Amino acid sequence: MDINDLRAIATVMLFVAFIAIVVWAYSGKRKQAFDEAALLAVGEDDEVKRGGKVGQ
C-alpha cells in the first residue's frame, strides 16, 4: 500500500461524507427546523421594531 492508495481511500471517504451531508440537509425530516432557522434573523428585527425584547 503506497501513498496513492491512501489518497484514493481518503477521496472515497470524503465523497461518502459529502453525500451523507447532502442527504441529511435535503431530507424531509429537517425541513421544518431549517425553515424556522431561516426566519430567526427576520423575527428578531421585527421584535426590536415593535419595542419587544429580543428572545421572547
N, C-alpha and C. Protein backbone atom coordinates (compact mmCIF):
# COMPACT_ATOMS: atom_id res chain seq x y z
N MET A 1 0.86 -1.17 0.00
CA MET A 1 0.00 0.00 0.00
C MET A 1 0.90 1.24 0.00
N ASP A 2 0.73 2.06 -1.01
CA ASP A 2 1.52 3.28 -1.09
C ASP A 2 0.64 4.51 -0.88
N ILE A 3 1.22 5.68 -1.06
CA ILE A 3 0.53 6.93 -0.77
C ILE A 3 -0.68 7.13 -1.68
N ASN A 4 -0.61 6.63 -2.91
CA ASN A 4 -1.73 6.79 -3.84
C ASN A 4 -2.95 5.99 -3.39
N ASP A 5 -2.73 4.84 -2.78
CA ASP A 5 -3.84 4.06 -2.24
C ASP A 5 -4.50 4.82 -1.09
N LEU A 6 -3.70 5.42 -0.23
CA LEU A 6 -4.25 6.21 0.88
C LEU A 6 -5.03 7.42 0.37
N ARG A 7 -4.52 8.05 -0.66
CA ARG A 7 -5.22 9.19 -1.25
C ARG A 7 -6.56 8.76 -1.85
N ALA A 8 -6.58 7.63 -2.50
CA ALA A 8 -7.82 7.11 -3.09
C ALA A 8 -8.84 6.79 -2.00
N ILE A 9 -8.39 6.17 -0.93
CA ILE A 9 -9.29 5.83 0.19
C ILE A 9 -9.82 7.11 0.82
N ALA A 10 -8.97 8.09 1.02
CA ALA A 10 -9.40 9.36 1.62
C ALA A 10 -10.40 10.06 0.71
N THR A 11 -10.18 10.03 -0.58
CA THR A 11 -11.11 10.66 -1.52
C THR A 11 -12.48 10.00 -1.47
N VAL A 12 -12.50 8.68 -1.46
CA VAL A 12 -13.78 7.96 -1.40
C VAL A 12 -14.49 8.24 -0.08
N MET A 13 -13.76 8.26 1.02
CA MET A 13 -14.37 8.54 2.33
C MET A 13 -14.96 9.95 2.39
N LEU A 14 -14.25 10.92 1.85
CA LEU A 14 -14.75 12.29 1.83
C LEU A 14 -15.96 12.44 0.92
N PHE A 15 -15.96 11.72 -0.19
CA PHE A 15 -17.11 11.76 -1.08
C PHE A 15 -18.34 11.15 -0.40
N VAL A 16 -18.16 10.06 0.31
CA VAL A 16 -19.27 9.44 1.04
C VAL A 16 -19.78 10.40 2.12
N ALA A 17 -18.88 11.08 2.83
CA ALA A 17 -19.29 12.04 3.85
C ALA A 17 -20.07 13.20 3.21
N PHE A 18 -19.63 13.67 2.06
CA PHE A 18 -20.32 14.74 1.35
C PHE A 18 -21.73 14.32 0.97
N ILE A 19 -21.87 13.13 0.42
CA ILE A 19 -23.18 12.63 0.02
C ILE A 19 -24.08 12.49 1.25
N ALA A 20 -23.53 12.02 2.37
CA ALA A 20 -24.32 11.88 3.60
C ALA A 20 -24.82 13.24 4.08
N ILE A 21 -24.00 14.26 4.01
CA ILE A 21 -24.41 15.60 4.44
C ILE A 21 -25.49 16.15 3.51
N VAL A 22 -25.36 15.93 2.23
CA VAL A 22 -26.38 16.40 1.28
C VAL A 22 -27.71 15.70 1.53
N VAL A 23 -27.68 14.39 1.75
CA VAL A 23 -28.92 13.65 2.04
C VAL A 23 -29.54 14.15 3.33
N TRP A 24 -28.73 14.39 4.35
CA TRP A 24 -29.24 14.91 5.63
C TRP A 24 -29.88 16.28 5.45
N ALA A 25 -29.21 17.15 4.69
CA ALA A 25 -29.70 18.52 4.53
C ALA A 25 -31.00 18.58 3.74
N TYR A 26 -31.17 17.70 2.78
CA TYR A 26 -32.35 17.74 1.94
C TYR A 26 -33.43 16.75 2.36
N SER A 27 -33.25 16.10 3.49
CA SER A 27 -34.27 15.15 3.93
C SER A 27 -35.50 15.91 4.42
N GLY A 28 -36.65 15.31 4.29
CA GLY A 28 -37.90 15.94 4.68
C GLY A 28 -38.00 16.15 6.17
N LYS A 29 -37.30 15.36 6.96
CA LYS A 29 -37.34 15.49 8.42
C LYS A 29 -36.77 16.82 8.89
N ARG A 30 -35.81 17.37 8.17
CA ARG A 30 -35.13 18.58 8.59
C ARG A 30 -35.78 19.86 8.06
N LYS A 31 -36.77 19.75 7.18
CA LYS A 31 -37.34 20.94 6.54
C LYS A 31 -37.89 21.94 7.55
N GLN A 32 -38.65 21.48 8.52
CA GLN A 32 -39.24 22.40 9.49
C GLN A 32 -38.16 23.12 10.30
N ALA A 33 -37.14 22.41 10.73
CA ALA A 33 -36.06 23.03 11.50
C ALA A 33 -35.31 24.07 10.67
N PHE A 34 -35.07 23.76 9.40
CA PHE A 34 -34.38 24.72 8.54
C PHE A 34 -35.26 25.93 8.24
N ASP A 35 -36.57 25.72 8.07
CA ASP A 35 -37.47 26.85 7.84
C ASP A 35 -37.51 27.77 9.06
N GLU A 36 -37.54 27.20 10.24
CA GLU A 36 -37.52 28.02 11.47
C GLU A 36 -36.20 28.77 11.60
N ALA A 37 -35.10 28.12 11.29
CA ALA A 37 -33.79 28.77 11.38
C ALA A 37 -33.68 29.90 10.36
N ALA A 38 -34.29 29.74 9.20
CA ALA A 38 -34.24 30.78 8.18
C ALA A 38 -34.95 32.04 8.62
N LEU A 39 -35.93 31.91 9.50
CA LEU A 39 -36.69 33.07 9.96
C LEU A 39 -36.15 33.71 11.23
N LEU A 40 -35.12 33.14 11.82
CA LEU A 40 -34.61 33.68 13.08
C LEU A 40 -34.13 35.12 12.96
N ALA A 41 -33.35 35.40 11.95
CA ALA A 41 -32.81 36.76 11.80
C ALA A 41 -33.92 37.77 11.52
N VAL A 42 -34.91 37.40 10.75
CA VAL A 42 -36.01 38.29 10.42
C VAL A 42 -36.88 38.53 11.65
N GLY A 43 -37.14 37.49 12.41
CA GLY A 43 -38.00 37.61 13.58
C GLY A 43 -37.43 38.52 14.64
N GLU A 44 -36.12 38.51 14.83
CA GLU A 44 -35.51 39.38 15.84
C GLU A 44 -35.64 40.84 15.45
N ASP A 45 -35.49 41.17 14.19
CA ASP A 45 -35.63 42.56 13.75
C ASP A 45 -37.05 43.05 13.97
N ASP A 46 -38.03 42.21 13.70
CA ASP A 46 -39.42 42.60 13.89
C ASP A 46 -39.71 42.88 15.36
N GLU A 47 -39.18 42.08 16.26
CA GLU A 47 -39.41 42.29 17.69
C GLU A 47 -38.80 43.62 18.15
N VAL A 48 -37.63 43.95 17.66
CA VAL A 48 -36.96 45.19 18.06
C VAL A 48 -37.76 46.39 17.56
N LYS A 49 -38.27 46.32 16.32
CA LYS A 49 -39.03 47.43 15.77
C LYS A 49 -40.34 47.65 16.53
N ARG A 50 -40.95 46.59 17.04
CA ARG A 50 -42.19 46.71 17.78
C ARG A 50 -41.97 47.09 19.24
N GLY A 51 -40.74 47.15 19.67
CA GLY A 51 -40.44 47.53 21.03
C GLY A 51 -40.38 46.38 22.00
N GLY A 52 -40.46 45.18 21.49
CA GLY A 52 -40.38 44.00 22.36
C GLY A 52 -38.96 43.61 22.63
N LYS A 53 -38.79 42.70 23.57
CA LYS A 53 -37.44 42.23 23.87
C LYS A 53 -37.07 41.12 22.92
N VAL A 54 -35.81 41.08 22.57
CA VAL A 54 -35.31 40.02 21.69
C VAL A 54 -35.21 38.75 22.52
N GLY A 55 -35.64 37.64 21.93
CA GLY A 55 -35.52 36.36 22.60
C GLY A 55 -36.77 35.89 23.31
N GLN A 56 -37.84 36.66 23.23
CA GLN A 56 -39.09 36.24 23.86
C GLN A 56 -39.85 35.32 22.98
